[in-house]
Amino acid sequence: MDKLRVEHPLANQSAITLPDLVVRVPSQPNLTELRGGLEFHRHPLFGCLPDEPGRTRDLDGWRACWLRPDGWLLIDVPGAALARDAFLQVADSKLCRLLDLSHSLCCINFAGAAARELLACGTPLDLRPVLFGPGQCTRTRCAEFTVLLDHRADGIDVYVDISLAYAFWAWIEDAVH
């Protein structure tokens, strides 16, 4: 029997580079969903997380995105200490739950002046900077895919289900041509 070969679905995709747009697949970050209840709100680490809907917070090599009440996505910068490590003791005491999503979501980075325009082709979300700027995140539909948009200082990271990543990339290629 052949050995199973695990490969990122966009591993061989070259960046799309246009004068006002760069779309690329960054190094896959470690992704952890943290879920906590009311007891967790009293723990000191709760203060590390964004407490407003649609907000993000950067901390020591990792980022936290608000997903839902009592739910956050922890995103590690490749090579940094794992964000989930900070919460392991809290999870062991049953104040929160940690779910590894690293192999279920794919990150695609959109940068440049035309990034919002391209994404606006697929989403009903108003992406004007006054309404959706750095430090904000949201779940939405884009080209009929459910995605998480994470607006960083240097662009917008789009997280899409890994099984749909290749199809979403094909939509991006069609939309830029």
N, C-alpha and C. Protein backbone atom coordinates (compact mmCIF):
# COMPACT_ATOMS: atom_id res chain seq x y z
N MET A 1 0.83 -1.17 0.00
CA MET A 1 0.00 0.00 0.00
C MET A 1 0.89 1.24 0.00
N ASP A 2 0.51 2.24 -0.79
CA ASP A 2 1.26 3.49 -0.84
C ASP A 2 1.11 4.25 0.47
N LYS A 3 2.15 4.98 0.82
CA LYS A 3 2.09 5.79 2.03
C LYS A 3 1.29 7.06 1.74
N LEU A 4 0.54 7.45 2.72
CA LEU A 4 -0.24 8.68 2.62
C LEU A 4 0.71 9.87 2.65
N ARG A 5 0.56 10.76 1.69
CA ARG A 5 1.38 11.96 1.65
C ARG A 5 0.50 13.15 1.96
N VAL A 6 0.80 13.83 3.04
CA VAL A 6 0.02 14.99 3.44
C VAL A 6 0.69 16.23 2.88
N GLU A 7 -0.08 17.00 2.14
CA GLU A 7 0.45 18.22 1.54
C GLU A 7 -0.61 19.30 1.60
N HIS A 8 -0.18 20.49 1.85
CA HIS A 8 -1.08 21.64 1.87
C HIS A 8 -1.68 21.79 0.47
N PRO A 9 -3.00 22.03 0.38
CA PRO A 9 -3.62 22.07 -0.95
C PRO A 9 -3.12 23.21 -1.84
N LEU A 10 -2.54 24.25 -1.25
CA LEU A 10 -2.04 25.37 -2.04
C LEU A 10 -0.51 25.44 -2.01
N ALA A 11 0.15 24.35 -1.67
CA ALA A 11 1.60 24.33 -1.53
C ALA A 11 2.33 24.73 -2.80
N ASN A 12 1.75 24.44 -3.95
CA ASN A 12 2.42 24.73 -5.22
C ASN A 12 1.91 25.98 -5.92
N GLN A 13 1.10 26.76 -5.23
CA GLN A 13 0.55 27.97 -5.85
C GLN A 13 1.53 29.13 -5.70
N SER A 14 1.87 29.74 -6.82
CA SER A 14 2.72 30.94 -6.78
C SER A 14 1.86 32.13 -6.43
N ALA A 15 2.48 33.11 -5.82
CA ALA A 15 1.76 34.34 -5.47
C ALA A 15 1.22 35.01 -6.72
N ILE A 16 0.08 35.63 -6.58
CA ILE A 16 -0.50 36.45 -7.66
C ILE A 16 -0.01 37.87 -7.40
N THR A 17 0.76 38.41 -8.32
CA THR A 17 1.34 39.73 -8.12
C THR A 17 0.94 40.65 -9.27
N LEU A 18 0.20 41.69 -8.91
CA LEU A 18 -0.23 42.72 -9.84
C LEU A 18 0.26 44.06 -9.29
N PRO A 19 0.16 45.14 -10.08
CA PRO A 19 0.68 46.42 -9.57
C PRO A 19 0.11 46.85 -8.20
N ASP A 20 -1.17 46.63 -7.94
CA ASP A 20 -1.77 47.07 -6.68
C ASP A 20 -2.27 45.91 -5.81
N LEU A 21 -1.82 44.70 -6.10
CA LEU A 21 -2.34 43.54 -5.39
C LEU A 21 -1.32 42.42 -5.33
N VAL A 22 -1.20 41.82 -4.15
CA VAL A 22 -0.43 40.59 -3.98
C VAL A 22 -1.30 39.64 -3.18
N VAL A 23 -1.53 38.46 -3.74
CA VAL A 23 -2.26 37.41 -3.04
C VAL A 23 -1.30 36.24 -2.92
N ARG A 24 -1.08 35.82 -1.68
CA ARG A 24 -0.10 34.75 -1.45
C ARG A 24 -0.58 33.84 -0.34
N VAL A 25 0.03 32.67 -0.30
CA VAL A 25 -0.24 31.71 0.76
C VAL A 25 0.94 31.79 1.72
N PRO A 26 0.74 32.38 2.91
CA PRO A 26 1.84 32.47 3.87
C PRO A 26 2.12 31.12 4.51
N SER A 27 3.19 31.04 5.26
CA SER A 27 3.46 29.82 6.03
C SER A 27 2.25 29.54 6.89
N GLN A 28 1.84 28.29 6.92
CA GLN A 28 0.64 27.93 7.66
C GLN A 28 0.85 28.14 9.16
N PRO A 29 0.05 29.02 9.78
CA PRO A 29 0.20 29.22 11.23
C PRO A 29 -0.46 28.10 12.02
N ASN A 30 -0.10 27.98 13.28
CA ASN A 30 -0.84 27.11 14.19
C ASN A 30 -2.11 27.85 14.56
N LEU A 31 -3.24 27.18 14.47
CA LEU A 31 -4.54 27.78 14.76
C LEU A 31 -5.21 26.99 15.87
N THR A 32 -5.66 27.69 16.88
CA THR A 32 -6.33 27.05 18.01
C THR A 32 -7.58 27.83 18.33
N GLU A 33 -8.70 27.13 18.42
CA GLU A 33 -9.91 27.79 18.88
C GLU A 33 -9.99 27.62 20.39
N LEU A 34 -10.20 28.72 21.08
CA LEU A 34 -10.35 28.72 22.52
C LEU A 34 -11.80 29.03 22.83
N ARG A 35 -12.41 28.20 23.66
CA ARG A 35 -13.78 28.44 24.12
C ARG A 35 -13.78 28.45 25.63
N GLY A 36 -14.37 29.49 26.20
CA GLY A 36 -14.42 29.61 27.65
C GLY A 36 -15.76 30.14 28.10
N GLY A 37 -16.14 29.82 29.31
CA GLY A 37 -17.41 30.27 29.86
C GLY A 37 -17.22 31.38 30.87
N LEU A 38 -18.23 31.61 31.68
CA LEU A 38 -18.20 32.70 32.66
C LEU A 38 -17.07 32.57 33.67
N GLU A 39 -16.76 31.34 34.08
CA GLU A 39 -15.66 31.13 35.03
C GLU A 39 -14.33 31.61 34.42
N PHE A 40 -14.17 31.39 33.13
CA PHE A 40 -12.94 31.80 32.44
C PHE A 40 -12.78 33.32 32.46
N HIS A 41 -13.87 34.06 32.44
CA HIS A 41 -13.82 35.52 32.43
C HIS A 41 -13.12 36.08 33.66
N ARG A 42 -13.08 35.34 34.74
CA ARG A 42 -12.44 35.80 35.97
C ARG A 42 -10.94 35.46 36.00
N HIS A 43 -10.49 34.66 35.06
CA HIS A 43 -9.07 34.27 35.03
C HIS A 43 -8.24 35.42 34.43
N PRO A 44 -7.03 35.68 34.95
CA PRO A 44 -6.19 36.78 34.43
C PRO A 44 -5.91 36.69 32.92
N LEU A 45 -5.81 35.48 32.37
CA LEU A 45 -5.52 35.36 30.93
C LEU A 45 -6.67 35.83 30.05
N PHE A 46 -7.86 35.92 30.62
CA PHE A 46 -9.00 36.42 29.84
C PHE A 46 -8.70 37.82 29.30
N GLY A 47 -7.95 38.60 30.07
CA GLY A 47 -7.59 39.96 29.65
C GLY A 47 -6.71 40.02 28.41
N CYS A 48 -6.12 38.91 28.01
CA CYS A 48 -5.30 38.86 26.79
C CYS A 48 -6.15 38.85 25.53
N LEU A 49 -7.42 38.54 25.68
CA LEU A 49 -8.29 38.31 24.52
C LEU A 49 -9.14 39.53 24.21
N PRO A 50 -9.46 39.73 22.93
CA PRO A 50 -10.38 40.83 22.61
C PRO A 50 -11.74 40.54 23.22
N ASP A 51 -12.34 41.56 23.81
CA ASP A 51 -13.62 41.35 24.47
C ASP A 51 -14.79 41.99 23.73
N GLU A 52 -14.52 42.53 22.54
CA GLU A 52 -15.58 43.12 21.72
C GLU A 52 -15.74 42.30 20.44
N PRO A 53 -16.98 42.15 19.99
CA PRO A 53 -17.21 41.42 18.73
C PRO A 53 -16.42 42.02 17.57
N GLY A 54 -15.84 41.14 16.78
CA GLY A 54 -15.15 41.56 15.57
C GLY A 54 -13.81 42.22 15.79
N ARG A 55 -13.24 42.07 16.96
CA ARG A 55 -11.95 42.70 17.26
C ARG A 55 -10.84 41.65 17.35
N THR A 56 -9.60 42.12 17.19
CA THR A 56 -8.43 41.27 17.32
C THR A 56 -7.48 41.90 18.32
N ARG A 57 -6.53 41.10 18.78
CA ARG A 57 -5.49 41.62 19.67
C ARG A 57 -4.21 40.86 19.39
N ASP A 58 -3.10 41.59 19.26
CA ASP A 58 -1.77 40.99 19.06
C ASP A 58 -1.03 40.94 20.38
N LEU A 59 -0.41 39.79 20.65
CA LEU A 59 0.34 39.59 21.89
C LEU A 59 1.54 38.69 21.65
N ASP A 60 2.73 39.13 21.97
CA ASP A 60 3.93 38.29 22.02
C ASP A 60 4.00 37.19 20.98
N GLY A 61 3.89 37.51 19.72
CA GLY A 61 4.05 36.52 18.66
C GLY A 61 2.79 35.75 18.30
N TRP A 62 1.65 36.12 18.87
CA TRP A 62 0.40 35.48 18.47
C TRP A 62 -0.71 36.51 18.44
N ARG A 63 -1.79 36.11 17.84
CA ARG A 63 -2.92 37.01 17.62
C ARG A 63 -4.19 36.29 18.05
N ALA A 64 -5.13 37.03 18.61
CA ALA A 64 -6.42 36.47 19.00
C ALA A 64 -7.51 37.20 18.24
N CYS A 65 -8.40 36.44 17.61
CA CYS A 65 -9.55 37.00 16.88
C CYS A 65 -10.83 36.59 17.60
N TRP A 66 -11.71 37.55 17.83
CA TRP A 66 -13.00 37.27 18.44
C TRP A 66 -13.85 36.55 17.41
N LEU A 67 -14.36 35.37 17.73
CA LEU A 67 -15.20 34.60 16.82
C LEU A 67 -16.67 34.65 17.19
N ARG A 68 -16.95 34.59 18.48
CA ARG A 68 -18.32 34.51 18.99
C ARG A 68 -18.22 34.79 20.48
N PRO A 69 -19.36 35.01 21.14
CA PRO A 69 -19.27 35.14 22.59
C PRO A 69 -18.57 33.91 23.18
N ASP A 70 -17.56 34.15 23.93
CA ASP A 70 -16.79 33.09 24.59
C ASP A 70 -16.05 32.18 23.62
N GLY A 71 -15.68 32.71 22.42
CA GLY A 71 -14.92 31.94 21.45
C GLY A 71 -13.93 32.81 20.70
N TRP A 72 -12.66 32.38 20.64
CA TRP A 72 -11.60 33.13 19.99
C TRP A 72 -10.74 32.20 19.15
N LEU A 73 -10.17 32.72 18.07
CA LEU A 73 -9.19 31.99 17.28
C LEU A 73 -7.82 32.52 17.66
N LEU A 74 -6.94 31.64 18.11
CA LEU A 74 -5.57 32.00 18.45
C LEU A 74 -4.69 31.64 17.25
N ILE A 75 -3.95 32.62 16.76
CA ILE A 75 -3.13 32.45 15.56
C ILE A 75 -1.68 32.69 15.94
N ASP A 76 -0.85 31.70 15.74
CA ASP A 76 0.57 31.82 16.08
C ASP A 76 1.36 32.32 14.88
N VAL A 77 2.31 33.20 15.16
CA VAL A 77 3.27 33.58 14.14
C VAL A 77 4.21 32.39 13.99
N PRO A 78 4.47 31.92 12.75
CA PRO A 78 5.37 30.77 12.60
C PRO A 78 6.70 31.00 13.30
N GLY A 79 7.12 30.02 14.06
CA GLY A 79 8.38 30.09 14.78
C GLY A 79 8.28 30.65 16.19
N ALA A 80 7.12 31.25 16.55
CA ALA A 80 6.94 31.81 17.89
C ALA A 80 6.42 30.74 18.83
N ALA A 81 6.42 31.05 20.10
CA ALA A 81 5.84 30.14 21.10
C ALA A 81 4.36 29.97 20.79
N LEU A 82 3.83 28.81 21.06
CA LEU A 82 2.44 28.54 20.74
C LEU A 82 1.50 29.26 21.69
N ALA A 83 0.53 29.96 21.13
CA ALA A 83 -0.46 30.69 21.93
C ALA A 83 -1.19 29.74 22.86
N ARG A 84 -1.51 28.56 22.34
CA ARG A 84 -2.28 27.63 23.17
C ARG A 84 -1.53 27.21 24.42
N ASP A 85 -0.18 27.26 24.37
CA ASP A 85 0.60 26.90 25.54
C ASP A 85 0.28 27.81 26.72
N ALA A 86 -0.02 29.07 26.44
CA ALA A 86 -0.37 30.01 27.50
C ALA A 86 -1.66 29.61 28.21
N PHE A 87 -2.53 28.89 27.50
CA PHE A 87 -3.84 28.55 28.04
C PHE A 87 -3.97 27.09 28.46
N LEU A 88 -2.90 26.30 28.33
CA LEU A 88 -2.99 24.87 28.65
C LEU A 88 -3.36 24.62 30.12
N GLN A 89 -2.75 25.36 31.02
CA GLN A 89 -3.06 25.15 32.44
C GLN A 89 -4.51 25.53 32.73
N VAL A 90 -5.00 26.58 32.09
CA VAL A 90 -6.39 26.99 32.27
C VAL A 90 -7.33 25.92 31.71
N ALA A 91 -6.94 25.34 30.58
CA ALA A 91 -7.75 24.26 29.99
C ALA A 91 -7.72 23.02 30.88
N ASP A 92 -6.55 22.72 31.45
CA ASP A 92 -6.46 21.56 32.35
C ASP A 92 -7.36 21.72 33.57
N SER A 93 -7.59 22.95 33.99
CA SER A 93 -8.47 23.19 35.14
C SER A 93 -9.93 23.32 34.72
N LYS A 94 -10.20 23.03 33.44
CA LYS A 94 -11.57 22.98 32.89
C LYS A 94 -12.25 24.35 32.82
N LEU A 95 -11.47 25.44 32.79
CA LEU A 95 -12.06 26.77 32.66
C LEU A 95 -12.25 27.16 31.19
N CYS A 96 -11.54 26.46 30.29
CA CYS A 96 -11.70 26.71 28.85
C CYS A 96 -11.38 25.41 28.11
N ARG A 97 -11.70 25.40 26.82
CA ARG A 97 -11.38 24.27 25.95
C ARG A 97 -10.54 24.78 24.79
N LEU A 98 -9.60 23.98 24.36
CA LEU A 98 -8.74 24.32 23.23
C LEU A 98 -8.95 23.29 22.13
N LEU A 99 -9.17 23.76 20.91
CA LEU A 99 -9.38 22.89 19.76
C LEU A 99 -8.37 23.25 18.69
N ASP A 100 -7.56 22.29 18.25
CA ASP A 100 -6.57 22.54 17.21
C ASP A 100 -7.27 22.61 15.86
N LEU A 101 -7.18 23.75 15.19
CA LEU A 101 -7.78 23.94 13.87
C LEU A 101 -6.73 24.08 12.77
N SER A 102 -5.47 23.81 13.11
CA SER A 102 -4.36 24.05 12.17
C SER A 102 -4.52 23.33 10.85
N HIS A 103 -5.14 22.16 10.86
CA HIS A 103 -5.27 21.39 9.62
C HIS A 103 -6.66 21.50 9.02
N SER A 104 -7.47 22.42 9.54
CA SER A 104 -8.81 22.55 8.98
C SER A 104 -9.03 23.87 8.27
N LEU A 105 -8.15 24.83 8.48
CA LEU A 105 -8.29 26.13 7.83
C LEU A 105 -7.01 26.47 7.08
N CYS A 106 -7.19 27.17 5.98
CA CYS A 106 -6.07 27.61 5.15
C CYS A 106 -6.06 29.14 5.14
N CYS A 107 -4.90 29.74 5.31
CA CYS A 107 -4.76 31.19 5.29
C CYS A 107 -4.28 31.65 3.91
N ILE A 108 -4.95 32.68 3.39
CA ILE A 108 -4.53 33.33 2.15
C ILE A 108 -4.45 34.82 2.46
N ASN A 109 -3.31 35.44 2.16
CA ASN A 109 -3.10 36.85 2.47
C ASN A 109 -3.33 37.72 1.24
N PHE A 110 -4.12 38.78 1.42
CA PHE A 110 -4.39 39.77 0.38
C PHE A 110 -3.75 41.08 0.82
N ALA A 111 -2.88 41.65 -0.01
CA ALA A 111 -2.23 42.91 0.33
C ALA A 111 -2.24 43.83 -0.88
N GLY A 112 -2.15 45.12 -0.61
CA GLY A 112 -2.11 46.11 -1.67
C GLY A 112 -3.42 46.89 -1.76
N ALA A 113 -3.36 47.97 -2.53
CA ALA A 113 -4.50 48.89 -2.65
C ALA A 113 -5.74 48.22 -3.25
N ALA A 114 -5.56 47.19 -4.07
CA ALA A 114 -6.71 46.53 -4.72
C ALA A 114 -7.24 45.33 -3.94
N ALA A 115 -6.69 45.04 -2.77
CA ALA A 115 -7.12 43.87 -2.00
C ALA A 115 -8.59 43.96 -1.62
N ARG A 116 -9.01 45.11 -1.11
CA ARG A 116 -10.42 45.29 -0.72
C ARG A 116 -11.34 45.17 -1.93
N GLU A 117 -10.90 45.73 -3.03
CA GLU A 117 -11.71 45.70 -4.25
C GLU A 117 -11.93 44.27 -4.73
N LEU A 118 -10.88 43.47 -4.69
CA LEU A 118 -11.00 42.07 -5.10
C LEU A 118 -11.94 41.31 -4.17
N LEU A 119 -11.74 41.45 -2.87
CA LEU A 119 -12.61 40.76 -1.93
C LEU A 119 -14.06 41.24 -2.04
N ALA A 120 -14.25 42.52 -2.34
CA ALA A 120 -15.60 43.06 -2.49
C ALA A 120 -16.35 42.43 -3.66
N CYS A 121 -15.62 41.86 -4.61
CA CYS A 121 -16.27 41.16 -5.73
C CYS A 121 -17.02 39.92 -5.25
N GLY A 122 -16.65 39.40 -4.09
CA GLY A 122 -17.25 38.15 -3.64
C GLY A 122 -18.05 38.24 -2.36
N THR A 123 -18.01 39.38 -1.68
CA THR A 123 -18.69 39.46 -0.38
C THR A 123 -19.64 40.65 -0.32
N PRO A 124 -20.75 40.49 0.39
CA PRO A 124 -21.66 41.62 0.58
C PRO A 124 -21.17 42.56 1.69
N LEU A 125 -20.12 42.18 2.40
CA LEU A 125 -19.60 42.97 3.50
C LEU A 125 -19.05 44.31 2.98
N ASP A 126 -19.34 45.37 3.69
CA ASP A 126 -18.80 46.69 3.34
C ASP A 126 -17.36 46.75 3.86
N LEU A 127 -16.41 46.74 2.95
CA LEU A 127 -15.00 46.67 3.31
C LEU A 127 -14.30 48.03 3.35
N ARG A 128 -15.07 49.11 3.31
CA ARG A 128 -14.43 50.43 3.38
C ARG A 128 -13.63 50.54 4.67
N PRO A 129 -12.46 51.19 4.61
CA PRO A 129 -11.58 51.27 5.78
C PRO A 129 -12.24 51.85 7.04
N VAL A 130 -13.20 52.73 6.89
CA VAL A 130 -13.86 53.30 8.07
C VAL A 130 -14.74 52.27 8.77
N LEU A 131 -15.13 51.21 8.06
CA LEU A 131 -15.99 50.18 8.64
C LEU A 131 -15.25 48.88 8.94
N PHE A 132 -14.20 48.60 8.18
CA PHE A 132 -13.44 47.36 8.39
C PHE A 132 -11.96 47.68 8.22
N GLY A 133 -11.30 47.92 9.34
CA GLY A 133 -9.90 48.31 9.29
C GLY A 133 -9.02 47.38 10.11
N PRO A 134 -7.74 47.70 10.21
CA PRO A 134 -6.82 46.88 11.00
C PRO A 134 -7.33 46.69 12.43
N GLY A 135 -7.16 45.47 12.93
CA GLY A 135 -7.62 45.15 14.27
C GLY A 135 -9.05 44.64 14.30
N GLN A 136 -9.62 44.39 13.12
CA GLN A 136 -10.97 43.86 13.06
C GLN A 136 -10.98 42.53 12.32
N CYS A 137 -11.98 41.70 12.66
CA CYS A 137 -12.15 40.42 11.99
C CYS A 137 -13.65 40.14 11.90
N THR A 138 -14.02 39.30 10.96
CA THR A 138 -15.43 38.92 10.83
C THR A 138 -15.54 37.66 9.99
N ARG A 139 -16.60 36.94 10.24
CA ARG A 139 -16.96 35.82 9.36
C ARG A 139 -17.96 36.34 8.36
N THR A 140 -17.82 35.88 7.13
CA THR A 140 -18.72 36.31 6.07
C THR A 140 -18.69 35.28 4.96
N ARG A 141 -19.46 35.55 3.93
CA ARG A 141 -19.42 34.73 2.72
C ARG A 141 -18.59 35.50 1.70
N CYS A 142 -17.76 34.78 0.97
CA CYS A 142 -16.99 35.37 -0.11
C CYS A 142 -16.98 34.35 -1.24
N ALA A 143 -17.53 34.74 -2.36
CA ALA A 143 -17.62 33.85 -3.52
C ALA A 143 -18.30 32.53 -3.14
N GLU A 144 -19.30 32.62 -2.29
CA GLU A 144 -20.08 31.47 -1.81
C GLU A 144 -19.31 30.55 -0.87
N PHE A 145 -18.16 30.99 -0.38
CA PHE A 145 -17.39 30.25 0.62
C PHE A 145 -17.55 30.96 1.95
N THR A 146 -17.66 30.22 3.03
CA THR A 146 -17.66 30.82 4.36
C THR A 146 -16.21 31.04 4.74
N VAL A 147 -15.87 32.29 5.09
CA VAL A 147 -14.50 32.65 5.40
C VAL A 147 -14.44 33.50 6.66
N LEU A 148 -13.25 33.58 7.23
CA LEU A 148 -12.96 34.52 8.30
C LEU A 148 -11.99 35.53 7.71
N LEU A 149 -12.35 36.80 7.78
CA LEU A 149 -11.47 37.88 7.34
C LEU A 149 -10.79 38.46 8.58
N ASP A 150 -9.48 38.55 8.56
CA ASP A 150 -8.70 39.10 9.65
C ASP A 150 -7.88 40.25 9.09
N HIS A 151 -8.28 41.49 9.41
CA HIS A 151 -7.60 42.67 8.87
C HIS A 151 -6.39 42.99 9.74
N ARG A 152 -5.24 42.77 9.17
CA ARG A 152 -3.97 43.04 9.84
C ARG A 152 -3.44 44.37 9.33
N ALA A 153 -2.40 44.87 9.93
CA ALA A 153 -1.81 46.14 9.51
C ALA A 153 -1.30 46.08 8.07
N ASP A 154 -0.81 44.90 7.65
CA ASP A 154 -0.20 44.77 6.33
C ASP A 154 -1.08 44.09 5.29
N GLY A 155 -2.35 43.90 5.58
CA GLY A 155 -3.24 43.27 4.61
C GLY A 155 -4.38 42.54 5.30
N ILE A 156 -5.07 41.75 4.53
CA ILE A 156 -6.21 40.99 5.05
C ILE A 156 -5.92 39.51 4.87
N ASP A 157 -5.92 38.79 5.99
CA ASP A 157 -5.80 37.33 5.93
C ASP A 157 -7.20 36.75 5.83
N VAL A 158 -7.37 35.83 4.89
CA VAL A 158 -8.65 35.15 4.71
C VAL A 158 -8.43 33.68 5.07
N TYR A 159 -9.24 33.20 6.01
CA TYR A 159 -9.18 31.80 6.42
C TYR A 159 -10.37 31.09 5.82
N VAL A 160 -10.09 30.04 5.04
CA VAL A 160 -11.12 29.26 4.37
C VAL A 160 -10.90 27.79 4.74
N ASP A 161 -11.98 27.03 4.74
CA ASP A 161 -11.89 25.60 5.02
C ASP A 161 -10.85 24.98 4.09
N ILE A 162 -9.95 24.20 4.63
CA ILE A 162 -8.83 23.67 3.84
C ILE A 162 -9.31 22.80 2.68
N SER A 163 -10.44 22.12 2.85
CA SER A 163 -10.94 21.28 1.77
C SER A 163 -11.48 22.11 0.61
N LEU A 164 -11.72 23.40 0.84
CA LEU A 164 -12.23 24.29 -0.20
C LEU A 164 -11.18 25.29 -0.68
N ALA A 165 -9.97 25.20 -0.14
CA ALA A 165 -8.94 26.18 -0.43
C ALA A 165 -8.59 26.27 -1.92
N TYR A 166 -8.48 25.12 -2.57
CA TYR A 166 -8.12 25.13 -3.99
C TYR A 166 -9.22 25.79 -4.83
N ALA A 167 -10.47 25.50 -4.52
CA ALA A 167 -11.59 26.12 -5.25
C ALA A 167 -11.63 27.62 -4.99
N PHE A 168 -11.36 28.04 -3.75
CA PHE A 168 -11.34 29.47 -3.45
C PHE A 168 -10.19 30.15 -4.19
N TRP A 169 -9.04 29.48 -4.27
CA TRP A 169 -7.91 30.04 -5.02
C TRP A 169 -8.27 30.18 -6.50
N ALA A 170 -8.98 29.21 -7.04
CA ALA A 170 -9.40 29.30 -8.44
C ALA A 170 -10.34 30.50 -8.64
N TRP A 171 -11.22 30.78 -7.67
CA TRP A 171 -12.08 31.97 -7.76
C TRP A 171 -11.21 33.23 -7.77
N ILE A 172 -10.18 33.28 -6.93
CA ILE A 172 -9.30 34.44 -6.88
C ILE A 172 -8.64 34.65 -8.25
N GLU A 173 -8.10 33.57 -8.81
CA GLU A 173 -7.46 33.67 -10.14
C GLU A 173 -8.43 34.18 -11.19
N ASP A 174 -9.66 33.67 -11.19
CA ASP A 174 -10.66 34.15 -12.15
C ASP A 174 -11.00 35.61 -11.92
N ALA A 175 -11.10 36.01 -10.65
CA ALA A 175 -11.50 37.38 -10.33
C ALA A 175 -10.42 38.41 -10.71
N VAL A 176 -9.17 38.03 -10.71
CA VAL A 176 -8.11 39.00 -11.04
C VAL A 176 -7.85 39.09 -12.54
N HIS A 177 -8.40 38.15 -13.29
CA HIS A 177 -8.15 38.18 -14.76
C HIS A 177 -9.35 38.67 -15.53
